[in-house]
Amino acid sequence: MGQKTKSFLALDVGEKRIGVATATDSIRIAIPLTTLIVDGSEVQQIAKIVAQEKTDTIVVGYPRNQSGEATAQTVYAEAFASQLEGLADAIYFQDESLTSVLAEDQLKGDKRPYTKADIDMRAATLILQDYLEAL
């Protein structure tokens, strides 16, 4: 019997929206899943996604400033992650430096219209891909 495939969920946590991406360790390619609006129900929405995707590990983007120091956004992401305790076997932070900039650059390269929600979803995908590549 082979080992069970592990499922990962990445979150690009913002104060207005949360980008969500998913991957498994068998394929190791992060794919955008959705963008959640921060309206008070986001933890319940994430719990539902975790159940649907059979998520083992949640990866939360970890914001820092250009000097690598914590910011108000870092504190916000840490506080948000603490609300997710118990939803999955493990919660990890992954440096998200420049992922939103890179996400927007990639979307511009697609030469199609995109929204801020698309940027957040793509940023979550980049966060998760970085995490998977570091495993």
N, C-alpha and C. Protein backbone atom coordinates (compact mmCIF):
# COMPACT_ATOMS: atom_id res chain seq x y z
N MET A 1 0.85 -1.20 0.00
CA MET A 1 0.00 0.00 0.00
C MET A 1 0.89 1.25 0.00
N GLY A 2 0.57 2.18 -0.89
CA GLY A 2 1.30 3.43 -0.95
C GLY A 2 0.83 4.39 0.13
N GLN A 3 1.61 5.43 0.32
CA GLN A 3 1.22 6.43 1.30
C GLN A 3 0.05 7.24 0.77
N LYS A 4 -0.75 7.75 1.69
CA LYS A 4 -1.87 8.61 1.34
C LYS A 4 -1.33 9.90 0.71
N THR A 5 -1.97 10.36 -0.34
CA THR A 5 -1.59 11.63 -0.96
C THR A 5 -1.93 12.76 0.00
N LYS A 6 -0.99 13.67 0.20
CA LYS A 6 -1.23 14.81 1.06
C LYS A 6 -1.80 15.96 0.23
N SER A 7 -2.72 16.66 0.83
CA SER A 7 -3.36 17.79 0.17
C SER A 7 -2.99 19.08 0.90
N PHE A 8 -2.68 20.12 0.12
CA PHE A 8 -2.26 21.41 0.67
C PHE A 8 -3.23 22.51 0.23
N LEU A 9 -3.44 23.46 1.14
CA LEU A 9 -4.26 24.62 0.83
C LEU A 9 -3.44 25.84 1.20
N ALA A 10 -3.28 26.78 0.27
CA ALA A 10 -2.53 28.00 0.56
C ALA A 10 -3.47 29.19 0.62
N LEU A 11 -3.15 30.11 1.50
CA LEU A 11 -3.97 31.31 1.69
C LEU A 11 -3.09 32.55 1.58
N ASP A 12 -3.51 33.46 0.71
CA ASP A 12 -2.91 34.79 0.64
C ASP A 12 -3.88 35.69 1.40
N VAL A 13 -3.57 35.92 2.68
CA VAL A 13 -4.51 36.58 3.58
C VAL A 13 -4.40 38.09 3.47
N GLY A 14 -5.52 38.71 3.14
CA GLY A 14 -5.60 40.16 3.12
C GLY A 14 -6.78 40.61 3.97
N GLU A 15 -6.88 41.90 4.19
CA GLU A 15 -7.97 42.41 5.03
C GLU A 15 -9.28 42.49 4.27
N LYS A 16 -9.25 42.47 2.93
CA LYS A 16 -10.47 42.52 2.12
C LYS A 16 -10.77 41.19 1.44
N ARG A 17 -9.70 40.50 0.99
CA ARG A 17 -9.86 39.24 0.26
C ARG A 17 -8.80 38.24 0.71
N ILE A 18 -9.12 36.96 0.50
CA ILE A 18 -8.16 35.88 0.77
C ILE A 18 -8.07 35.03 -0.49
N GLY A 19 -6.89 35.01 -1.10
CA GLY A 19 -6.66 34.15 -2.25
C GLY A 19 -6.44 32.73 -1.76
N VAL A 20 -6.99 31.76 -2.48
CA VAL A 20 -6.89 30.36 -2.08
C VAL A 20 -6.37 29.53 -3.25
N ALA A 21 -5.40 28.66 -2.95
CA ALA A 21 -4.85 27.74 -3.96
C ALA A 21 -4.73 26.37 -3.32
N THR A 22 -4.64 25.34 -4.16
CA THR A 22 -4.57 23.97 -3.67
C THR A 22 -3.52 23.19 -4.45
N ALA A 23 -3.07 22.10 -3.84
CA ALA A 23 -2.13 21.19 -4.51
C ALA A 23 -2.09 19.88 -3.73
N THR A 24 -1.55 18.86 -4.37
CA THR A 24 -1.29 17.61 -3.67
C THR A 24 0.19 17.30 -3.80
N ASP A 25 0.71 16.45 -2.92
CA ASP A 25 2.13 16.13 -3.01
C ASP A 25 2.41 15.13 -4.13
N SER A 26 1.36 14.57 -4.73
CA SER A 26 1.60 13.65 -5.84
C SER A 26 1.87 14.41 -7.15
N ILE A 27 1.24 15.57 -7.30
CA ILE A 27 1.44 16.36 -8.53
C ILE A 27 2.37 17.54 -8.28
N ARG A 28 2.28 18.13 -7.09
CA ARG A 28 3.16 19.23 -6.66
C ARG A 28 3.08 20.46 -7.57
N ILE A 29 1.91 20.69 -8.12
CA ILE A 29 1.69 21.91 -8.89
C ILE A 29 0.51 22.64 -8.25
N ALA A 30 0.78 23.84 -7.78
CA ALA A 30 -0.27 24.64 -7.14
C ALA A 30 -1.22 25.18 -8.20
N ILE A 31 -2.52 25.09 -7.90
CA ILE A 31 -3.52 25.64 -8.81
C ILE A 31 -4.44 26.59 -8.06
N PRO A 32 -4.81 27.70 -8.71
CA PRO A 32 -5.72 28.65 -8.06
C PRO A 32 -7.07 27.99 -7.83
N LEU A 33 -7.68 28.27 -6.69
CA LEU A 33 -8.97 27.66 -6.37
C LEU A 33 -10.09 28.70 -6.33
N THR A 34 -9.91 29.73 -5.51
CA THR A 34 -10.96 30.74 -5.37
C THR A 34 -10.39 31.95 -4.63
N THR A 35 -11.21 32.98 -4.52
CA THR A 35 -10.91 34.13 -3.68
C THR A 35 -12.10 34.34 -2.77
N LEU A 36 -11.82 34.45 -1.49
CA LEU A 36 -12.88 34.67 -0.50
C LEU A 36 -12.92 36.14 -0.13
N ILE A 37 -14.12 36.66 0.07
CA ILE A 37 -14.28 38.03 0.56
C ILE A 37 -14.25 37.96 2.08
N VAL A 38 -13.48 38.84 2.71
CA VAL A 38 -13.41 38.88 4.17
C VAL A 38 -14.67 39.60 4.67
N ASP A 39 -15.62 38.80 5.20
CA ASP A 39 -16.91 39.36 5.63
C ASP A 39 -17.36 38.77 6.97
N GLY A 40 -16.45 38.08 7.66
CA GLY A 40 -16.81 37.46 8.94
C GLY A 40 -17.07 35.97 8.81
N SER A 41 -17.30 35.48 7.58
CA SER A 41 -17.57 34.05 7.39
C SER A 41 -16.37 33.32 6.79
N GLU A 42 -15.23 34.03 6.66
CA GLU A 42 -14.10 33.44 5.94
C GLU A 42 -13.52 32.19 6.62
N VAL A 43 -13.50 32.15 7.95
CA VAL A 43 -12.96 30.95 8.63
C VAL A 43 -13.87 29.75 8.36
N GLN A 44 -15.19 29.97 8.40
CA GLN A 44 -16.13 28.88 8.09
C GLN A 44 -15.99 28.45 6.63
N GLN A 45 -15.79 29.41 5.73
CA GLN A 45 -15.61 29.07 4.31
C GLN A 45 -14.33 28.25 4.11
N ILE A 46 -13.27 28.62 4.81
CA ILE A 46 -12.02 27.87 4.71
C ILE A 46 -12.20 26.46 5.29
N ALA A 47 -12.92 26.35 6.40
CA ALA A 47 -13.19 25.04 6.99
C ALA A 47 -13.92 24.14 6.00
N LYS A 48 -14.87 24.72 5.27
CA LYS A 48 -15.62 23.97 4.26
C LYS A 48 -14.69 23.50 3.13
N ILE A 49 -13.81 24.39 2.68
CA ILE A 49 -12.87 24.04 1.61
C ILE A 49 -11.92 22.94 2.10
N VAL A 50 -11.43 23.08 3.34
CA VAL A 50 -10.52 22.08 3.91
C VAL A 50 -11.19 20.70 3.89
N ALA A 51 -12.49 20.66 4.26
CA ALA A 51 -13.22 19.38 4.26
C ALA A 51 -13.39 18.85 2.84
N GLN A 52 -13.77 19.73 1.90
CA GLN A 52 -13.98 19.30 0.51
C GLN A 52 -12.69 18.80 -0.13
N GLU A 53 -11.59 19.49 0.13
CA GLU A 53 -10.30 19.17 -0.49
C GLU A 53 -9.53 18.12 0.30
N LYS A 54 -10.07 17.73 1.47
CA LYS A 54 -9.38 16.78 2.37
C LYS A 54 -7.95 17.28 2.66
N THR A 55 -7.87 18.55 3.03
CA THR A 55 -6.59 19.23 3.26
C THR A 55 -5.88 18.70 4.50
N ASP A 56 -4.60 18.38 4.32
CA ASP A 56 -3.75 17.97 5.45
C ASP A 56 -2.99 19.16 6.01
N THR A 57 -2.55 20.05 5.12
CA THR A 57 -1.67 21.16 5.51
C THR A 57 -2.19 22.47 4.94
N ILE A 58 -2.27 23.47 5.81
CA ILE A 58 -2.62 24.83 5.37
C ILE A 58 -1.33 25.65 5.37
N VAL A 59 -1.09 26.34 4.27
CA VAL A 59 0.10 27.19 4.13
C VAL A 59 -0.40 28.63 4.04
N VAL A 60 0.03 29.44 4.99
CA VAL A 60 -0.41 30.84 5.05
C VAL A 60 0.75 31.73 4.61
N GLY A 61 0.45 32.61 3.66
CA GLY A 61 1.47 33.57 3.22
C GLY A 61 1.92 34.44 4.38
N TYR A 62 3.23 34.63 4.49
CA TYR A 62 3.82 35.38 5.61
C TYR A 62 4.43 36.67 5.09
N PRO A 63 3.71 37.79 5.30
CA PRO A 63 4.21 39.06 4.78
C PRO A 63 5.33 39.65 5.63
N ARG A 64 6.28 40.28 4.97
CA ARG A 64 7.36 41.03 5.64
C ARG A 64 7.67 42.24 4.77
N ASN A 65 8.37 43.20 5.39
CA ASN A 65 8.78 44.35 4.56
C ASN A 65 10.04 43.99 3.79
N GLN A 66 10.54 44.93 2.99
CA GLN A 66 11.68 44.63 2.12
C GLN A 66 12.95 44.29 2.90
N SER A 67 13.00 44.69 4.19
CA SER A 67 14.15 44.35 5.02
C SER A 67 13.97 43.00 5.71
N GLY A 68 12.82 42.34 5.44
CA GLY A 68 12.57 41.05 6.06
C GLY A 68 11.98 41.12 7.46
N GLU A 69 11.56 42.33 7.86
CA GLU A 69 11.01 42.51 9.21
C GLU A 69 9.49 42.38 9.19
N ALA A 70 8.95 42.03 10.36
CA ALA A 70 7.51 41.91 10.52
C ALA A 70 6.84 43.28 10.35
N THR A 71 5.60 43.25 9.87
CA THR A 71 4.81 44.47 9.68
C THR A 71 3.44 44.26 10.34
N ALA A 72 2.60 45.27 10.26
CA ALA A 72 1.22 45.13 10.78
C ALA A 72 0.52 44.01 10.03
N GLN A 73 0.81 43.84 8.75
CA GLN A 73 0.19 42.78 7.95
C GLN A 73 0.66 41.40 8.43
N THR A 74 1.91 41.31 8.90
CA THR A 74 2.44 40.05 9.45
C THR A 74 1.62 39.66 10.67
N VAL A 75 1.39 40.62 11.55
CA VAL A 75 0.61 40.37 12.77
C VAL A 75 -0.81 39.93 12.40
N TYR A 76 -1.39 40.58 11.39
CA TYR A 76 -2.74 40.22 10.93
C TYR A 76 -2.77 38.78 10.41
N ALA A 77 -1.77 38.40 9.62
CA ALA A 77 -1.71 37.03 9.07
C ALA A 77 -1.54 36.00 10.18
N GLU A 78 -0.71 36.33 11.17
CA GLU A 78 -0.50 35.41 12.30
C GLU A 78 -1.79 35.23 13.10
N ALA A 79 -2.49 36.34 13.36
CA ALA A 79 -3.74 36.28 14.11
C ALA A 79 -4.79 35.49 13.33
N PHE A 80 -4.84 35.70 12.02
CA PHE A 80 -5.79 34.96 11.20
C PHE A 80 -5.47 33.47 11.23
N ALA A 81 -4.20 33.13 11.07
CA ALA A 81 -3.79 31.72 11.08
C ALA A 81 -4.17 31.04 12.39
N SER A 82 -4.09 31.78 13.50
CA SER A 82 -4.43 31.18 14.80
C SER A 82 -5.90 30.77 14.86
N GLN A 83 -6.76 31.43 14.06
CA GLN A 83 -8.18 31.07 14.01
C GLN A 83 -8.41 29.76 13.25
N LEU A 84 -7.39 29.32 12.51
CA LEU A 84 -7.52 28.11 11.70
C LEU A 84 -7.02 26.86 12.42
N GLU A 85 -6.48 27.05 13.63
CA GLU A 85 -5.95 25.92 14.41
C GLU A 85 -6.97 24.79 14.47
N GLY A 86 -6.51 23.58 14.21
CA GLY A 86 -7.38 22.41 14.31
C GLY A 86 -8.13 22.06 13.03
N LEU A 87 -8.10 22.94 12.01
CA LEU A 87 -8.79 22.64 10.76
C LEU A 87 -8.03 21.62 9.92
N ALA A 88 -6.70 21.61 10.06
CA ALA A 88 -5.86 20.69 9.29
C ALA A 88 -4.80 20.12 10.24
N ASP A 89 -4.08 19.11 9.77
CA ASP A 89 -3.04 18.49 10.60
C ASP A 89 -1.93 19.48 10.95
N ALA A 90 -1.63 20.39 10.02
CA ALA A 90 -0.54 21.34 10.24
C ALA A 90 -0.84 22.66 9.55
N ILE A 91 -0.31 23.73 10.14
CA ILE A 91 -0.38 25.06 9.52
C ILE A 91 1.04 25.59 9.48
N TYR A 92 1.47 26.00 8.29
CA TYR A 92 2.81 26.55 8.12
C TYR A 92 2.71 27.93 7.50
N PHE A 93 3.74 28.73 7.76
CA PHE A 93 3.86 30.03 7.11
C PHE A 93 4.89 29.91 5.99
N GLN A 94 4.62 30.61 4.89
CA GLN A 94 5.56 30.65 3.76
C GLN A 94 5.76 32.11 3.39
N ASP A 95 7.01 32.52 3.30
CA ASP A 95 7.33 33.89 2.92
C ASP A 95 6.59 34.25 1.63
N GLU A 96 5.90 35.38 1.64
CA GLU A 96 5.13 35.77 0.46
C GLU A 96 5.72 37.01 -0.21
N SER A 97 6.97 37.30 0.07
CA SER A 97 7.60 38.50 -0.50
C SER A 97 7.41 38.57 -2.01
N LEU A 98 6.87 39.67 -2.47
CA LEU A 98 6.71 39.99 -3.89
C LEU A 98 5.76 39.07 -4.65
N THR A 99 5.04 38.18 -3.96
CA THR A 99 4.15 37.28 -4.71
C THR A 99 3.02 38.05 -5.39
N SER A 100 2.50 39.10 -4.76
CA SER A 100 1.42 39.86 -5.40
C SER A 100 1.92 40.60 -6.63
N VAL A 101 3.14 41.13 -6.55
CA VAL A 101 3.73 41.82 -7.70
C VAL A 101 3.96 40.83 -8.84
N LEU A 102 4.53 39.67 -8.51
CA LEU A 102 4.78 38.64 -9.51
C LEU A 102 3.46 38.12 -10.10
N ALA A 103 2.46 37.94 -9.24
CA ALA A 103 1.15 37.47 -9.70
C ALA A 103 0.57 38.45 -10.72
N GLU A 104 0.65 39.75 -10.41
CA GLU A 104 0.10 40.74 -11.33
C GLU A 104 0.89 40.76 -12.65
N ASP A 105 2.21 40.62 -12.55
CA ASP A 105 3.03 40.56 -13.77
C ASP A 105 2.62 39.38 -14.64
N GLN A 106 2.39 38.21 -14.01
CA GLN A 106 1.98 37.02 -14.77
C GLN A 106 0.63 37.25 -15.44
N LEU A 107 -0.30 37.85 -14.69
CA LEU A 107 -1.64 38.09 -15.24
C LEU A 107 -1.58 39.09 -16.40
N LYS A 108 -0.74 40.12 -16.28
CA LYS A 108 -0.56 41.07 -17.38
C LYS A 108 -0.06 40.34 -18.61
N GLY A 109 0.85 39.37 -18.39
CA GLY A 109 1.42 38.59 -19.48
C GLY A 109 0.39 37.73 -20.19
N ASP A 110 -0.70 37.39 -19.50
CA ASP A 110 -1.77 36.60 -20.10
C ASP A 110 -2.58 37.40 -21.12
N LYS A 111 -2.42 38.73 -21.09
CA LYS A 111 -3.10 39.64 -22.03
C LYS A 111 -4.63 39.49 -22.00
N ARG A 112 -5.16 39.24 -20.79
CA ARG A 112 -6.61 39.17 -20.60
C ARG A 112 -6.95 40.06 -19.41
N PRO A 113 -8.19 40.55 -19.34
CA PRO A 113 -8.57 41.35 -18.18
C PRO A 113 -8.48 40.51 -16.90
N TYR A 114 -8.14 41.15 -15.80
CA TYR A 114 -8.08 40.46 -14.52
C TYR A 114 -8.50 41.42 -13.41
N THR A 115 -8.84 40.86 -12.26
CA THR A 115 -9.30 41.64 -11.12
C THR A 115 -8.32 41.49 -9.96
N LYS A 116 -8.54 42.28 -8.90
CA LYS A 116 -7.73 42.14 -7.69
C LYS A 116 -7.90 40.74 -7.11
N ALA A 117 -9.10 40.17 -7.24
CA ALA A 117 -9.35 38.81 -6.75
C ALA A 117 -8.48 37.81 -7.51
N ASP A 118 -8.30 38.03 -8.82
CA ASP A 118 -7.43 37.15 -9.61
C ASP A 118 -5.98 37.24 -9.12
N ILE A 119 -5.55 38.46 -8.78
CA ILE A 119 -4.19 38.66 -8.27
C ILE A 119 -4.02 37.88 -6.96
N ASP A 120 -5.00 37.98 -6.06
CA ASP A 120 -4.91 37.30 -4.76
C ASP A 120 -4.85 35.78 -4.94
N MET A 121 -5.67 35.27 -5.85
CA MET A 121 -5.70 33.83 -6.11
C MET A 121 -4.35 33.38 -6.69
N ARG A 122 -3.81 34.15 -7.63
CA ARG A 122 -2.53 33.80 -8.25
C ARG A 122 -1.41 33.91 -7.21
N ALA A 123 -1.49 34.92 -6.32
CA ALA A 123 -0.47 35.06 -5.27
C ALA A 123 -0.49 33.83 -4.35
N ALA A 124 -1.68 33.34 -4.00
CA ALA A 124 -1.79 32.13 -3.18
C ALA A 124 -1.14 30.95 -3.89
N THR A 125 -1.32 30.88 -5.19
CA THR A 125 -0.72 29.81 -5.99
C THR A 125 0.80 29.89 -5.93
N LEU A 126 1.35 31.10 -6.03
CA LEU A 126 2.81 31.28 -5.97
C LEU A 126 3.34 30.93 -4.58
N ILE A 127 2.61 31.31 -3.54
CA ILE A 127 3.01 30.98 -2.16
C ILE A 127 3.08 29.46 -2.01
N LEU A 128 2.07 28.78 -2.50
CA LEU A 128 2.02 27.32 -2.36
C LEU A 128 3.12 26.66 -3.20
N GLN A 129 3.34 27.17 -4.41
CA GLN A 129 4.39 26.59 -5.26
C GLN A 129 5.75 26.74 -4.58
N ASP A 130 6.01 27.91 -3.99
CA ASP A 130 7.27 28.13 -3.26
C ASP A 130 7.40 27.13 -2.11
N TYR A 131 6.31 26.92 -1.38
CA TYR A 131 6.31 25.98 -0.26
C TYR A 131 6.61 24.56 -0.75
N LEU A 132 5.93 24.14 -1.82
CA LEU A 132 6.11 22.77 -2.35
C LEU A 132 7.55 22.55 -2.83
N GLU A 133 8.13 23.58 -3.44
CA GLU A 133 9.48 23.45 -3.96
C GLU A 133 10.52 23.38 -2.84
N ALA A 134 10.16 23.91 -1.67
CA ALA A 134 11.08 23.89 -0.52
C ALA A 134 10.97 22.57 0.27
N LEU A 135 9.96 21.75 -0.01
CA LEU A 135 9.78 20.49 0.73
C LEU A 135 10.90 19.49 0.43
